[in-house]
């Protein structure tokens, strides 16, 4: 998947994120709860997409910058956040911000698109202050052997799945990595794991949006969240 892939269906993806369970009622509220009080904090939204988390952080008093690989997604974000520092940028390239610029970085559902985490994590560490936080959400590695039982859980594996975004069928390509590989990557980049979280579905989720078998406030294997401290 490339930035141009997202450009093709950016509007459909943004609509799905704004209304769908996994982003609007699961990942975003869980990430905001994990961040806590952000008033006055300098935050980088890495892989910000159309900007829903960026907007929520600004509403909570944070000073936010964001970037995304897709120019179309950044275009959507700029429509609602015209005064915000939003840039088209590839996470695998050096970041266009100085050392020690941010108190926190949010990387929501972005690292699982990247094969080699070493460069991106080193750059995210560089732009963070000492003691700053990196909040990461990724596809839960425990789901991979369930959905792909013939694959090797312990290998870093590229795989593609089909999704429906507001009536548009999209193939997304991810990289599965085991929990041990994730943990080693964080340590090698200079981060300490302060917490790992497997949040429940938001208790106010409309019943018609819940996946089969998931109850309001119920737990399931969806995304895995890391709260990391820059050493």
Protein backbone atom coordinates (compact mmCIF):
# COMPACT_ATOMS: atom_id res chain seq x y z
CA UNK A 1 0.00 0.00 0.00
CA UNK A 2 1.22 3.49 -0.84
CA UNK A 3 0.02 7.00 -0.19
CA UNK A 4 -1.60 7.02 -3.63
CA UNK A 5 -3.67 3.98 -2.62
CA UNK A 6 -5.28 6.04 0.13
CA UNK A 7 -5.68 8.96 -2.26
CA UNK A 8 -8.03 6.83 -4.37
CA UNK A 9 -10.57 6.34 -1.61
CA UNK A 10 -9.72 8.98 1.00
CA UNK A 11 -13.28 10.33 1.25
CA UNK A 12 -14.77 6.86 1.77
CA UNK A 13 -12.13 6.02 4.37
CA UNK A 14 -12.70 9.28 6.25
CA UNK A 15 -16.46 8.66 6.29
CA UNK A 16 -15.98 5.11 7.58
CA UNK A 17 -13.64 6.35 10.31
CA UNK A 18 -16.09 9.02 11.43
CA UNK A 19 -18.99 6.59 11.76
CA UNK A 20 -17.64 3.04 12.08
CA UNK A 21 -17.09 0.98 15.19
CA UNK A 22 -13.37 0.27 15.02
CA UNK A 23 -12.22 3.87 14.73
CA UNK A 24 -14.98 6.07 16.12
CA UNK A 25 -16.14 3.78 18.94
CA UNK A 26 -13.07 1.72 19.76
CA UNK A 27 -9.62 3.00 18.80
CA UNK A 28 -10.09 6.77 19.12
CA UNK A 29 -11.87 6.84 22.51
CA UNK A 30 -9.42 4.28 23.89
CA UNK A 31 -6.45 6.33 22.70
CA UNK A 32 -7.86 9.56 24.14
CA UNK A 33 -8.52 7.85 27.48
CA UNK A 34 -4.95 6.56 27.51
CA UNK A 35 -3.54 10.03 26.83
CA UNK A 36 -5.51 11.63 29.65
CA UNK A 37 -5.20 15.38 30.26
CA UNK A 38 -3.32 16.88 27.27
CA UNK A 39 -4.00 20.57 27.92
CA UNK A 40 -0.94 22.58 26.87
CA UNK A 41 0.94 19.50 25.64
CA UNK A 42 2.80 19.51 22.31
CA UNK A 43 1.62 16.40 20.44
CA UNK A 44 2.51 14.88 17.07
CA UNK A 45 -0.21 12.81 15.37
CA UNK A 46 1.82 10.40 13.23
CA UNK A 47 -0.29 9.00 10.40
CA UNK A 48 -3.10 11.41 11.21
CA UNK A 49 -5.26 10.53 8.20
CA UNK A 50 -8.22 12.86 7.84
CA UNK A 51 -7.55 14.30 11.30
CA UNK A 52 -10.21 13.00 13.73
CA UNK A 53 -7.74 12.37 16.55
CA UNK A 54 -5.89 15.61 15.78
CA UNK A 55 -9.17 17.53 16.11
CA UNK A 56 -10.07 15.77 19.36
CA UNK A 57 -6.67 16.59 20.87
CA UNK A 58 -6.98 20.24 19.86
CA UNK A 59 -10.43 20.35 21.47
CA UNK A 60 -8.76 19.09 24.66
CA UNK A 61 -6.28 21.94 24.66
CA UNK A 62 -3.22 20.34 23.05
CA UNK A 63 -0.90 21.98 20.52
CA UNK A 64 -0.95 19.45 17.68
CA UNK A 65 1.02 18.81 14.50
CA UNK A 66 0.24 15.92 12.19
CA UNK A 67 1.38 14.15 9.07
CA UNK A 68 0.21 11.44 6.73
CA UNK A 69 1.53 9.72 3.63
CA UNK A 70 -1.67 10.48 1.69
CA UNK A 71 -2.01 13.98 0.25
CA UNK A 72 -5.75 13.42 -0.16
CA UNK A 73 -6.17 12.55 3.52
CA UNK A 74 -4.22 15.63 4.56
CA UNK A 75 -6.41 17.67 2.22
CA UNK A 76 -9.51 16.46 4.08
CA UNK A 77 -7.90 17.24 7.45
CA UNK A 78 -6.97 20.76 6.33
CA UNK A 79 -10.59 21.51 5.43
CA UNK A 80 -11.60 21.26 9.10
CA UNK A 81 -8.25 22.23 10.66
CA UNK A 82 -6.93 25.03 8.43
CA UNK A 83 -4.72 26.57 11.14
CA UNK A 84 -3.06 23.28 12.17
CA UNK A 85 0.46 22.21 11.15
CA UNK A 86 -0.46 19.28 8.86
CA UNK A 87 2.04 17.85 6.39
CA UNK A 88 2.29 15.17 3.72
CA UNK A 89 5.16 12.97 4.86
CA UNK A 90 6.33 9.35 4.80
CA UNK A 91 6.86 7.82 8.24
CA UNK A 92 9.81 5.84 6.90
CA UNK A 93 11.69 9.08 6.09
CA UNK A 94 13.37 11.49 8.56
CA UNK A 95 10.80 13.70 10.26
CA UNK A 96 10.74 17.44 9.45
CA UNK A 97 10.76 18.54 13.10
CA UNK A 98 13.63 19.37 15.46
CA UNK A 99 14.84 17.23 18.33
CA UNK A 100 12.79 17.39 21.55
CA UNK A 101 9.84 19.14 19.88
CA UNK A 102 6.97 17.10 21.34
CA UNK A 103 5.75 15.94 24.74
CA UNK A 104 3.86 13.05 23.17
CA UNK A 105 3.44 11.25 19.85
CA UNK A 106 0.28 9.39 18.86
CA UNK A 107 0.70 6.61 16.29
CA UNK A 108 -2.81 5.26 15.81
CA UNK A 109 -3.06 2.18 13.57
CA UNK A 110 -0.05 3.14 11.47
CA UNK A 111 2.98 1.02 12.42
CA UNK A 112 1.39 -2.21 11.20
CA UNK A 113 1.71 -0.83 7.65
CA UNK A 114 5.50 -0.63 8.05
CA UNK A 115 7.89 -3.56 7.55
CA UNK A 116 10.96 -2.14 9.31
CA UNK A 117 10.20 -0.23 12.51
CA UNK A 118 13.78 0.76 13.36
CA UNK A 119 13.97 4.03 11.39
CA UNK A 120 10.46 5.29 12.23
CA UNK A 121 10.84 4.55 15.95
CA UNK A 122 14.26 6.21 16.06
CA UNK A 123 12.79 9.35 14.49
CA UNK A 124 9.78 9.38 16.81
CA UNK A 125 12.17 9.05 19.76
CA UNK A 126 14.30 11.92 18.42
CA UNK A 127 11.45 14.43 18.23
CA UNK A 128 10.22 13.54 21.74
CA UNK A 129 11.46 15.16 24.91
CA UNK A 130 13.17 12.90 27.46
CA UNK A 131 10.35 11.26 29.37
CA UNK A 132 7.92 11.98 26.53
CA UNK A 133 5.27 9.44 25.62
CA UNK A 134 4.72 7.45 22.45
CA UNK A 135 1.20 6.02 22.28
CA UNK A 136 0.87 3.24 19.73
CA UNK A 137 -2.10 1.17 18.56
CA UNK A 138 -1.69 -1.75 16.16
CA UNK A 139 -3.59 -4.78 14.99
CA UNK A 140 -3.49 -7.24 17.87
CA UNK A 141 -0.87 -9.90 17.08
CA UNK A 142 -3.01 -12.51 18.80
CA UNK A 143 -5.65 -12.17 16.08
CA UNK A 144 -3.25 -13.16 13.29
CA UNK A 145 -3.03 -16.91 14.03
CA UNK A 146 -6.81 -17.02 14.44
CA UNK A 147 -7.54 -15.41 11.08
CA UNK A 148 -4.51 -16.97 9.33
CA UNK A 149 -4.05 -20.35 11.04
CA UNK A 150 -1.58 -21.64 8.43
CA UNK A 151 0.86 -18.76 8.96
CA UNK A 152 3.81 -18.57 11.35
CA UNK A 153 2.94 -16.36 14.31
CA UNK A 154 6.62 -15.78 15.11
CA UNK A 155 7.56 -14.47 11.65
CA UNK A 156 7.14 -10.91 10.39
CA UNK A 157 4.58 -11.58 7.68
CA UNK A 158 3.00 -9.41 5.00
CA UNK A 159 -0.70 -10.07 4.47
CA UNK A 160 -3.67 -8.42 2.75
CA UNK A 161 -7.29 -8.19 3.86
CA UNK A 162 -10.40 -6.77 2.19
CA UNK A 163 -12.42 -4.03 3.89
CA UNK A 164 -15.58 -2.11 3.07
CA UNK A 165 -15.38 1.64 3.63
CA UNK A 166 -18.71 3.38 3.10
CA UNK A 167 -19.56 1.00 0.26
CA UNK A 168 -16.08 1.05 -1.27
CA UNK A 169 -14.17 -2.26 -1.28
CA UNK A 170 -10.52 -1.77 -0.35
CA UNK A 171 -7.56 -4.14 -0.01
CA UNK A 172 -5.25 -3.19 2.87
CA UNK A 173 -1.78 -4.70 3.29
CA UNK A 174 -0.29 -5.06 6.77
CA UNK A 175 2.77 -6.57 8.42
CA UNK A 176 2.14 -8.95 11.29
CA UNK A 177 4.88 -9.15 13.91
CA UNK A 178 4.83 -11.13 17.14
CA UNK A 179 4.66 -9.37 20.48
CA UNK A 180 8.29 -10.23 21.21
CA UNK A 181 9.43 -8.47 18.01
CA UNK A 182 7.39 -5.39 18.88
CA UNK A 183 8.85 -5.24 22.37
CA UNK A 184 12.41 -5.61 21.07
CA UNK A 185 11.88 -2.84 18.51
CA UNK A 186 10.66 -0.45 21.19
CA UNK A 187 13.60 -1.23 23.48
CA UNK A 188 16.17 -0.87 20.70
CA UNK A 189 14.75 2.58 19.83
CA UNK A 190 15.12 3.78 23.43
CA UNK A 191 11.60 3.32 24.75
CA UNK A 192 10.39 1.74 27.98
CA UNK A 193 7.02 0.00 27.91
CA UNK A 194 5.02 1.73 30.63
CA UNK A 195 1.85 -0.18 29.79
CA UNK A 196 0.09 -2.48 27.34
CA UNK A 197 -3.66 -2.22 26.99
CA UNK A 198 -6.45 -4.29 25.43
CA UNK A 199 -9.42 -1.94 25.79
CA UNK A 200 -13.05 -2.90 25.75
CA UNK A 201 -15.64 -1.64 23.33
CA UNK A 202 -16.94 1.78 24.34
CA UNK A 203 -20.01 1.33 26.59
CA UNK A 204 -22.05 3.82 24.53
CA UNK A 205 -21.46 2.08 21.20
CA UNK A 206 -24.75 1.81 19.25
CA UNK A 207 -25.80 -1.84 19.23
CA UNK A 208 -26.06 -1.96 15.44
CA UNK A 209 -22.36 -1.06 15.10
CA UNK A 210 -21.01 -3.75 17.40
CA UNK A 211 -19.24 -6.67 15.67
CA UNK A 212 -20.90 -10.09 16.07
CA UNK A 213 -20.32 -11.47 19.54
CA UNK A 214 -19.11 -8.18 21.05
CA UNK A 215 -21.17 -6.60 23.81
CA UNK A 216 -21.15 -2.93 24.89
CA UNK A 217 -18.08 -2.51 27.12
CA UNK A 218 -17.12 -6.07 26.18
CA UNK A 219 -13.54 -7.18 25.57
CA UNK A 220 -12.34 -8.81 22.38
CA UNK A 221 -9.10 -9.28 20.45
CA UNK A 222 -9.00 -6.14 18.31
CA UNK A 223 -6.16 -3.67 18.70
CA UNK A 224 -3.22 -3.66 21.09
CA UNK A 225 -2.15 -0.37 22.67
CA UNK A 226 1.30 0.53 23.99
CA UNK A 227 2.14 3.38 26.35
CA UNK A 228 5.87 4.00 25.85
CA UNK A 229 8.29 6.35 27.63
CA UNK A 230 11.25 7.89 25.80
CA UNK A 231 14.41 7.27 27.84
